[in-house]
Amino acid sequence: MHDDLHELMTQDEPLAVDAPTGINRFVSSAGDVPIVLDGVMIGAIGIFAGHWSQDAVVAEAGATSLI
């Protein structure tokens, strides 16, 4: 499965910029959003279910609703 995700990243131009070389089990996601309260990171939300652009929207909405 990790190889499939890495291949998907390398074929999607915005994600390809962050695609690591030589580490095919590492995947960066636009759906990873820190939760910051008063300038301190208190947690994070990670969404990885759809296209990166959809994941980013959902993660941002979730983080915003918690603060």
Protein backbone atom coordinates (compact mmCIF):
# COMPACT_ATOMS: atom_id res chain seq x y z
CA MET A 1 0.00 0.00 0.00
CA HIS A 2 2.79 2.46 0.85
CA ASP A 3 4.33 1.99 -2.59
CA ASP A 4 0.96 2.86 -4.16
CA LEU A 5 0.68 6.07 -2.11
CA HIS A 6 4.21 7.09 -3.01
CA GLU A 7 3.52 6.50 -6.67
CA LEU A 8 0.29 8.55 -6.43
CA MET A 9 2.27 11.41 -4.84
CA THR A 10 4.88 11.44 -7.56
CA GLN A 11 2.17 11.66 -10.25
CA ASP A 12 0.28 14.60 -8.65
CA GLU A 13 2.28 17.74 -9.42
CA PRO A 14 1.62 19.70 -6.18
CA LEU A 15 2.43 16.62 -4.08
CA ALA A 16 5.43 15.62 -6.17
CA VAL A 17 7.36 18.59 -4.76
CA ASP A 18 7.27 16.92 -1.32
CA ALA A 19 7.70 13.35 -2.52
CA PRO A 20 10.87 12.03 -0.89
CA THR A 21 13.43 10.19 -2.95
CA GLY A 22 14.66 6.85 -1.70
CA ILE A 23 12.00 6.57 1.03
CA ASN A 24 8.94 5.08 -0.64
CA ARG A 25 7.15 4.44 2.68
CA PHE A 26 6.96 8.12 3.67
CA VAL A 27 3.92 10.13 2.58
CA SER A 28 3.33 13.81 3.22
CA SER A 29 -0.30 14.93 3.39
CA ALA A 30 -2.01 18.27 2.88
CA GLY A 31 -4.62 16.99 5.34
CA ASP A 32 -2.28 17.37 8.32
CA VAL A 33 -3.20 20.52 10.24
CA PRO A 34 -1.85 21.59 13.64
CA ILE A 35 -4.28 22.79 16.31
CA VAL A 36 -2.86 25.97 17.83
CA LEU A 37 -4.29 27.72 20.87
CA ASP A 38 -2.75 30.97 22.11
CA GLY A 39 0.35 30.34 20.00
CA VAL A 40 0.90 26.83 21.40
CA MET A 41 0.39 23.70 19.35
CA ILE A 42 -1.92 21.51 21.43
CA GLY A 43 -2.61 18.79 18.89
CA ALA A 44 -3.24 18.07 15.25
CA ILE A 45 -5.79 16.66 12.84
CA GLY A 46 -4.78 14.25 10.12
CA ILE A 47 -7.12 13.50 7.23
CA PHE A 48 -6.04 11.15 4.47
CA ALA A 49 -9.05 9.80 2.65
CA GLY A 50 -9.59 11.73 -0.57
CA HIS A 51 -7.59 13.90 -2.92
CA TRP A 52 -5.08 16.09 -1.07
CA SER A 53 -7.13 19.21 -1.79
CA GLN A 54 -10.23 17.65 -0.19
CA ASP A 55 -8.24 16.40 2.79
CA ALA A 56 -6.89 19.92 3.38
CA VAL A 57 -10.38 21.46 3.40
CA VAL A 58 -11.74 18.86 5.83
CA ALA A 59 -8.75 19.11 8.17
CA GLU A 60 -8.89 22.92 8.24
CA ALA A 61 -12.62 22.84 8.98
CA GLY A 62 -12.09 20.36 11.80
CA ALA A 63 -9.27 22.36 13.37
CA THR A 64 -11.25 25.59 13.08
CA SER A 65 -14.31 24.06 14.73
CA LEU A 66 -12.29 23.00 17.78
CA ILE A 67 -10.84 26.40 18.59
